Structures are given as structure tokens and as C-alpha cells.
């Protein structure tokens, strides 16, 4: 009368075995570490910080000169 029902248990097996999953995870981690160490982004000359600052100064000078023509 007071016996509780036990939860159902299913025999489910994944398609990939656990050993293959562990191997693939370690292989993926090793490949990621290798790729991360060898990639270098090539910076463009126009997106470098000094060039952007020079461009910003040029824009302010141009606004100042054109504002002088308006008045």
C-alpha cells in the first residue's frame, strides 16, 4: 500500500561510443591549440591606430576650414 513506484529505466545507448568521444574531444582540443598558435592576422595600413588618428585630425582640420568659408 505504501510502496512507491520505482522510476522507469531505459536501456539507451548512444551511437558513438564513449571512447571515440573522448578521443575526438582530445583531438579537437589539440587541433585547436595548434591552430590558435599559428594564426596571425595581417593588419591593414589604413586600419592601424596612427593612421586612424591622422585621419581624424585631418577631418577636424577640414571641418574647421570649411566652417571658415561658411561664415
PDB file of N, CA and C in Angstrom:
ATOM      1  N   UNK A   1       0.826  -1.189   0.000  1.00  0.00           N
ATOM      2  CA  UNK A   1       0.000   0.000   0.000  1.00  0.00           C
ATOM      3  C   UNK A   1       0.869   1.251   0.000  1.00  0.00           C
ATOM      4  N   UNK A   2       1.955   1.263   0.813  1.00  0.00           N
ATOM      5  CA  UNK A   2       2.813   2.426   0.881  1.00  0.00           C
ATOM      6  C   UNK A   2       4.067   2.299   0.020  1.00  0.00           C
ATOM      7  N   UNK A   3       4.144   1.267  -0.774  1.00  0.00           N
ATOM      8  CA  UNK A   3       5.302   1.078  -1.654  1.00  0.00           C
ATOM      9  C   UNK A   3       5.239   2.100  -2.794  1.00  0.00           C
ATOM     10  N   UNK A   4       6.319   2.835  -2.964  1.00  0.00           N
ATOM     11  CA  UNK A   4       6.364   3.815  -4.054  1.00  0.00           C
ATOM     12  C   UNK A   4       6.850   3.138  -5.323  1.00  0.00           C
ATOM     13  N   UNK A   5       6.377   3.635  -6.423  1.00  0.00           N
ATOM     14  CA  UNK A   5       6.782   3.067  -7.694  1.00  0.00           C
ATOM     15  C   UNK A   5       8.192   3.516  -8.038  1.00  0.00           C
ATOM     16  N   UNK A   6       8.980   2.618  -8.561  1.00  0.00           N
ATOM     17  CA  UNK A   6      10.326   2.950  -8.989  1.00  0.00           C
ATOM     18  C   UNK A   6      10.276   3.615 -10.365  1.00  0.00           C
ATOM     19  N   UNK A   7      11.178   4.582 -10.599  1.00  0.00           N
ATOM     20  CA  UNK A   7      11.173   5.216 -11.925  1.00  0.00           C
ATOM     21  C   UNK A   7      11.599   4.218 -13.001  1.00  0.00           C
ATOM     22  N   UNK A   8      11.091   4.404 -14.173  1.00  0.00           N
ATOM     23  CA  UNK A   8      11.413   3.512 -15.278  1.00  0.00           C
ATOM     24  C   UNK A   8      12.856   3.738 -15.720  1.00  0.00           C
ATOM     25  N   UNK A   9      13.477   2.699 -16.115  1.00  0.00           N
ATOM     26  CA  UNK A   9      14.843   2.790 -16.628  1.00  0.00           C
ATOM     27  C   UNK A   9      14.839   2.241 -18.051  1.00  0.00           C
ATOM     28  N   UNK A  10      15.465   3.020 -18.921  1.00  0.00           N
ATOM     29  CA  UNK A  10      15.531   2.616 -20.310  1.00  0.00           C
ATOM     30  C   UNK A  10      16.969   2.263 -20.650  1.00  0.00           C
ATOM     31  N   UNK A  11      17.140   1.294 -21.476  1.00  0.00           N
ATOM     32  CA  UNK A  11      18.472   0.911 -21.939  1.00  0.00           C
ATOM     33  C   UNK A  11      18.762   1.680 -23.228  1.00  0.00           C
ATOM     34  N   UNK A  12      19.318   2.873 -23.079  1.00  0.00           N
ATOM     35  CA  UNK A  12      19.618   3.715 -24.227  1.00  0.00           C
ATOM     36  C   UNK A  12      21.115   3.770 -24.410  1.00  0.00           C
ATOM     37  N   UNK A  13      21.577   3.477 -25.608  1.00  0.00           N
ATOM     38  CA  UNK A  13      22.999   3.558 -25.916  1.00  0.00           C
ATOM     39  C   UNK A  13      23.185   4.583 -27.028  1.00  0.00           C
ATOM     40  N   UNK A  14      24.185   5.402 -26.858  1.00  0.00           N
ATOM     41  CA  UNK A  14      24.446   6.409 -27.883  1.00  0.00           C
ATOM     42  C   UNK A  14      25.042   5.752 -29.119  1.00  0.00           C
ATOM     43  N   UNK A  15      24.966   6.429 -30.224  1.00  0.00           N
ATOM     44  CA  UNK A  15      25.526   5.885 -31.453  1.00  0.00           C
ATOM     45  C   UNK A  15      27.052   5.879 -31.415  1.00  0.00           C
ATOM     46  N   UNK A  16      27.615   6.895 -30.792  1.00  0.00           N
ATOM     47  CA  UNK A  16      29.060   6.958 -30.658  1.00  0.00           C
ATOM     48  C   UNK A  16      29.450   6.365 -29.320  1.00  0.00           C
ATOM     49  N   UNK A  17      30.486   5.587 -29.337  1.00  0.00           N
ATOM     50  CA  UNK A  17      30.925   5.035 -28.063  1.00  0.00           C
ATOM     51  C   UNK A  17      31.648   6.112 -27.272  1.00  0.00           C
ATOM     52  N   UNK A  18      31.746   5.931 -25.973  1.00  0.00           N
ATOM     53  CA  UNK A  18      32.384   6.915 -25.109  1.00  0.00           C
ATOM     54  C   UNK A  18      33.860   7.076 -25.442  1.00  0.00           C
ATOM     55  N   UNK A  19      34.533   6.004 -25.811  1.00  0.00           N
ATOM     56  CA  UNK A  19      35.962   6.090 -26.108  1.00  0.00           C
ATOM     57  C   UNK A  19      36.199   6.962 -27.344  1.00  0.00           C
ATOM     58  N   UNK A  20      35.370   6.825 -28.352  1.00  0.00           N
ATOM     59  CA  UNK A  20      35.530   7.658 -29.549  1.00  0.00           C
ATOM     60  C   UNK A  20      35.268   9.122 -29.216  1.00  0.00           C
ATOM     61  N   UNK A  21      34.310   9.359 -28.336  1.00  0.00           N
ATOM     62  CA  UNK A  21      34.002  10.734 -27.971  1.00  0.00           C
ATOM     63  C   UNK A  21      35.176  11.358 -27.237  1.00  0.00           C
ATOM     64  N   UNK A  22      35.775  10.625 -26.327  1.00  0.00           N
ATOM     65  CA  UNK A  22      36.936  11.143 -25.602  1.00  0.00           C
ATOM     66  C   UNK A  22      38.097  11.395 -26.551  1.00  0.00           C
ATOM     67  N   UNK A  23      38.313  10.491 -27.520  1.00  0.00           N
ATOM     68  CA  UNK A  23      39.380  10.673 -28.491  1.00  0.00           C
ATOM     69  C   UNK A  23      39.109  11.897 -29.359  1.00  0.00           C
ATOM     70  N   UNK A  24      37.881  12.038 -29.806  1.00  0.00           N
ATOM     71  CA  UNK A  24      37.566  13.160 -30.675  1.00  0.00           C
ATOM     72  C   UNK A  24      37.685  14.478 -29.916  1.00  0.00           C
ATOM     73  N   UNK A  25      37.306  14.510 -28.635  1.00  0.00           N
ATOM     74  CA  UNK A  25      37.449  15.724 -27.844  1.00  0.00           C
ATOM     75  C   UNK A  25      38.912  16.094 -27.674  1.00  0.00           C
ATOM     76  N   UNK A  26      39.758  15.094 -27.393  1.00  0.00           N
ATOM     77  CA  UNK A  26      41.178  15.391 -27.213  1.00  0.00           C
ATOM     78  C   UNK A  26      41.815  15.798 -28.536  1.00  0.00           C
ATOM     79  N   UNK A  27      41.415  15.153 -29.634  1.00  0.00           N
ATOM     80  CA  UNK A  27      41.939  15.537 -30.947  1.00  0.00           C
ATOM     81  C   UNK A  27      41.519  16.949 -31.303  1.00  0.00           C
ATOM     82  N   UNK A  28      40.280  17.280 -31.029  1.00  0.00           N
ATOM     83  CA  UNK A  28      39.778  18.605 -31.335  1.00  0.00           C
ATOM     84  C   UNK A  28      40.507  19.663 -30.516  1.00  0.00           C
ATOM     85  N   UNK A  29      40.744  19.367 -29.250  1.00  0.00           N
ATOM     86  CA  UNK A  29      41.454  20.315 -28.392  1.00  0.00           C
ATOM     87  C   UNK A  29      42.889  20.506 -28.872  1.00  0.00           C
ATOM     88  N   UNK A  30      43.544  19.425 -29.267  1.00  0.00           N
ATOM     89  CA  UNK A  30      44.918  19.512 -29.759  1.00  0.00           C
ATOM     90  C   UNK A  30      44.972  20.316 -31.060  1.00  0.00           C
ATOM     91  N   UNK A  31      44.030  20.065 -31.956  1.00  0.00           N
ATOM     92  CA  UNK A  31      43.996  20.817 -33.221  1.00  0.00           C
ATOM     93  C   UNK A  31      43.714  22.288 -32.960  1.00  0.00           C
ATOM     94  N   UNK A  32      42.825  22.577 -32.020  1.00  0.00           N
ATOM     95  CA  UNK A  32      42.502  23.975 -31.705  1.00  0.00           C
ATOM     96  C   UNK A  32      43.717  24.700 -31.148  1.00  0.00           C
ATOM     97  N   UNK A  33      44.450  24.059 -30.238  1.00  0.00           N
ATOM     98  CA  UNK A  33      45.654  24.672 -29.676  1.00  0.00           C
ATOM     99  C   UNK A  33      46.701  24.910 -30.765  1.00  0.00           C
ATOM    100  N   UNK A  34      46.819  23.972 -31.684  1.00  0.00           N
ATOM    101  CA  UNK A  34      47.788  24.133 -32.766  1.00  0.00           C
ATOM    102  C   UNK A  34      47.391  25.276 -33.692  1.00  0.00           C
ATOM    103  N   UNK A  35      46.128  25.358 -34.044  1.00  0.00           N
ATOM    104  CA  UNK A  35      45.671  26.423 -34.939  1.00  0.00           C
ATOM    105  C   UNK A  35      45.797  27.784 -34.277  1.00  0.00           C
ATOM    106  N   UNK A  36      45.483  27.859 -33.000  1.00  0.00           N
ATOM    107  CA  UNK A  36      45.481  29.133 -32.300  1.00  0.00           C
ATOM    108  C   UNK A  36      46.892  29.718 -32.224  1.00  0.00           C
ATOM    109  N   UNK A  37      47.885  28.866 -32.147  1.00  0.00           N
ATOM    110  CA  UNK A  37      49.248  29.347 -32.027  1.00  0.00           C
ATOM    111  C   UNK A  37      49.836  29.836 -33.339  1.00  0.00           C
ATOM    112  N   UNK A  38      49.311  29.402 -34.485  1.00  0.00           N
ATOM    113  CA  UNK A  38      49.928  29.707 -35.766  1.00  0.00           C
ATOM    114  C   UNK A  38      49.207  30.773 -36.579  1.00  0.00           C
ATOM    115  N   UNK A  39      48.098  31.252 -36.105  1.00  0.00           N
ATOM    116  CA  UNK A  39      47.363  32.241 -36.903  1.00  0.00           C
ATOM    117  C   UNK A  39      47.800  33.649 -36.516  1.00  0.00           C
ATOM    118  N   UNK A  40      48.062  34.447 -37.513  1.00  0.00           N
ATOM    119  CA  UNK A  40      48.408  35.852 -37.316  1.00  0.00           C
ATOM    120  C   UNK A  40      47.550  36.668 -38.265  1.00  0.00           C
ATOM    121  N   UNK A  41      46.846  37.623 -37.715  1.00  0.00           N
ATOM    122  CA  UNK A  41      46.036  38.495 -38.564  1.00  0.00           C
ATOM    123  C   UNK A  41      46.922  39.550 -39.176  1.00  0.00           C
ATOM    124  N   UNK A  42      46.785  39.722 -40.469  1.00  0.00           N
ATOM    125  CA  UNK A  42      47.536  40.769 -41.143  1.00  0.00           C
ATOM    126  C   UNK A  42      46.762  42.059 -40.988  1.00  0.00           C
ATOM    127  N   UNK A  43      47.426  43.063 -40.441  1.00  0.00           N
ATOM    128  CA  UNK A  43      46.772  44.338 -40.232  1.00  0.00           C
ATOM    129  C   UNK A  43      46.920  45.198 -41.476  1.00  0.00           C
ATOM    130  N   UNK A  44      45.880  45.866 -41.806  1.00  0.00           N
ATOM    131  CA  UNK A  44      45.917  46.775 -42.934  1.00  0.00           C
ATOM    132  C   UNK A  44      46.561  48.088 -42.490  1.00  0.00           C
ATOM    133  N   UNK A  45      47.205  48.763 -43.429  1.00  0.00           N
ATOM    134  CA  UNK A  45      47.848  50.042 -43.138  1.00  0.00           C
ATOM    135  C   UNK A  45      46.810  51.086 -42.742  1.00  0.00           C
ATOM    136  N   UNK A  46      45.653  51.043 -43.382  1.00  0.00           N
ATOM    137  CA  UNK A  46      44.622  52.057 -43.140  1.00  0.00           C
ATOM    138  C   UNK A  46      43.874  51.845 -41.829  1.00  0.00           C
ATOM    139  N   UNK A  47      43.915  50.645 -41.266  1.00  0.00           N
ATOM    140  CA  UNK A  47      43.219  50.410 -40.005  1.00  0.00           C
ATOM    141  C   UNK A  47      44.159  50.435 -38.812  1.00  0.00           C
ATOM    142  N   UNK A  48      45.415  50.832 -39.025  1.00  0.00           N
ATOM    143  CA  UNK A  48      46.332  50.940 -37.898  1.00  0.00           C
ATOM    144  C   UNK A  48      45.974  52.180 -37.077  1.00  0.00           C
ATOM    145  N   UNK A  49      46.307  52.154 -35.808  1.00  0.00           N
ATOM    146  CA  UNK A  49      45.928  53.234 -34.897  1.00  0.00           C
ATOM    147  C   UNK A  49      46.524  54.590 -35.294  1.00  0.00           C
ATOM    148  N   UNK A  50      47.804  54.704 -35.636  1.00  0.00           N
ATOM    149  CA  UNK A  50      48.324  56.023 -36.030  1.00  0.00           C
ATOM    150  C   UNK A  50      47.640  56.584 -37.272  1.00  0.00           C
ATOM    151  N   UNK A  51      47.344  55.718 -38.235  1.00  0.00           N
ATOM    152  CA  UNK A  51      46.682  56.189 -39.450  1.00  0.00           C
ATOM    153  C   UNK A  51      45.269  56.676 -39.135  1.00  0.00           C
ATOM    154  N   UNK A  52      44.557  56.013 -38.256  1.00  0.00           N
ATOM    155  CA  UNK A  52      43.203  56.443 -37.893  1.00  0.00           C
ATOM    156  C   UNK A  52      43.234  57.781 -37.149  1.00  0.00           C
ATOM    157  N   UNK A  53      44.242  57.989 -36.309  1.00  0.00           N
ATOM    158  CA  UNK A  53      44.358  59.262 -35.591  1.00  0.00           C
ATOM    159  C   UNK A  53      44.668  60.392 -36.564  1.00  0.00           C
ATOM    160  N   UNK A  54      45.567  60.137 -37.514  1.00  0.00           N
ATOM    161  CA  UNK A  54      45.885  61.155 -38.530  1.00  0.00           C
ATOM    162  C   UNK A  54      44.646  61.483 -39.349  1.00  0.00           C
ATOM    163  N   UNK A  55      43.862  60.477 -39.708  1.00  0.00           N
ATOM    164  CA  UNK A  55      42.645  60.704 -40.467  1.00  0.00           C
ATOM    165  C   UNK A  55      41.644  61.531 -39.659  1.00  0.00           C
ATOM    166  N   UNK A  56      41.533  61.256 -38.368  1.00  0.00           N
ATOM    167  CA  UNK A  56      40.621  62.008 -37.510  1.00  0.00           C
ATOM    168  C   UNK A  56      41.044  63.464 -37.410  1.00  0.00           C
ATOM    169  N   UNK A  57      42.341  63.709 -37.264  1.00  0.00           N
ATOM    170  CA  UNK A  57      42.848  65.082 -37.214  1.00  0.00           C
ATOM    171  C   UNK A  57      42.578  65.793 -38.542  1.00  0.00           C
ATOM    172  N   UNK A  58      42.782  65.088 -39.647  1.00  0.00           N
ATOM    173  CA  UNK A  58      42.514  65.667 -40.965  1.00  0.00           C
ATOM    174  C   UNK A  58      41.042  66.055 -41.107  1.00  0.00           C
ATOM    175  N   UNK A  59      40.150  65.229 -40.610  1.00  0.00           N
ATOM    176  CA  UNK A  59      38.711  65.538 -40.692  1.00  0.00           C
ATOM    177  C   UNK A  59      38.392  66.778 -39.867  1.00  0.00           C
ATOM    178  N   UNK A  60      38.972  66.903 -38.664  1.00  0.00           N
ATOM    179  CA  UNK A  60      38.724  68.096 -37.846  1.00  0.00           C
ATOM    180  C   UNK A  60      39.277  69.360 -38.514  1.00  0.00           C
ATOM    181  N   UNK A  61      40.442  69.271 -39.128  1.00  0.00           N
ATOM    182  CA  UNK A  61      41.010  70.424 -39.844  1.00  0.00           C
ATOM    183  C   UNK A  61      40.127  70.788 -41.025  1.00  0.00           C
ATOM    184  N   UNK A  62      39.646  69.808 -41.751  1.00  0.00           N
ATOM    185  CA  UNK A  62      38.759  70.065 -42.893  1.00  0.00           C
ATOM    186  C   UNK A  62      37.458  70.723 -42.437  1.00  0.00           C
ATOM    187  N   UNK A  63      36.885  70.273 -41.342  1.00  0.00           N
ATOM    188  CA  UNK A  63      35.664  70.893 -40.812  1.00  0.00           C
ATOM    189  C   UNK A  63      35.943  72.336 -40.409  1.00  0.00           C
ATOM    190  N   UNK A  64      37.097  72.601 -39.792  1.00  0.00           N
ATOM    191  CA  UNK A  64      37.460  73.959 -39.365  1.00  0.00           C
ATOM    192  C   UNK A  64      37.614  74.873 -40.589  1.00  0.00           C
ATOM    193  N   UNK A  65      38.272  74.375 -41.627  1.00  0.00           N
ATOM    194  CA  UNK A  65      38.477  75.198 -42.829  1.00  0.00           C
ATOM    195  C   UNK A  65      37.143  75.469 -43.527  1.00  0.00           C
ATOM    196  N   UNK A  66      36.334  74.441 -43.655  1.00  0.00           N
ATOM    197  CA  UNK A  66      35.045  74.628 -44.346  1.00  0.00           C
ATOM    198  C   UNK A  66      34.100  75.490 -43.514  1.00  0.00           C
ATOM    199  N   UNK A  67      34.206  75.442 -42.197  1.00  0.00           N
ATOM    200  CA  UNK A  67      33.390  76.289 -41.351  1.00  0.00           C
ATOM    201  C   UNK A  67      33.788  77.773 -41.526  1.00  0.00           C
ATOM    202  N   UNK A  68      35.060  78.020 -41.793  1.00  0.00           N
ATOM    203  CA  UNK A  68      35.531  79.392 -42.059  1.00  0.00           C
ATOM    204  C   UNK A  68      34.930  79.937 -43.341  1.00  0.00           C
ATOM    205  N   UNK A  69      34.713  79.118 -44.353  1.00  0.00           N
ATOM    206  CA  UNK A  69      34.101  79.579 -45.609  1.00  0.00           C
ATOM    207  C   UNK A  69      32.623  79.874 -45.422  1.00  0.00           C
ATOM    208  N   UNK A  70      31.965  79.201 -44.520  1.00  0.00           N
ATOM    209  CA  UNK A  70      30.535  79.434 -44.317  1.00  0.00           C
ATOM    210  C   UNK A  70      30.280  80.785 -43.665  1.00  0.00           C
ATOM    211  N   UNK A  71      31.096  81.206 -42.708  1.00  0.00           N
ATOM    212  CA  UNK A  71      30.872  82.463 -42.009  1.00  0.00           C
ATOM    213  C   UNK A  71      31.341  83.614 -42.773  1.00  0.00           C
TER     214      UNK A  71
END
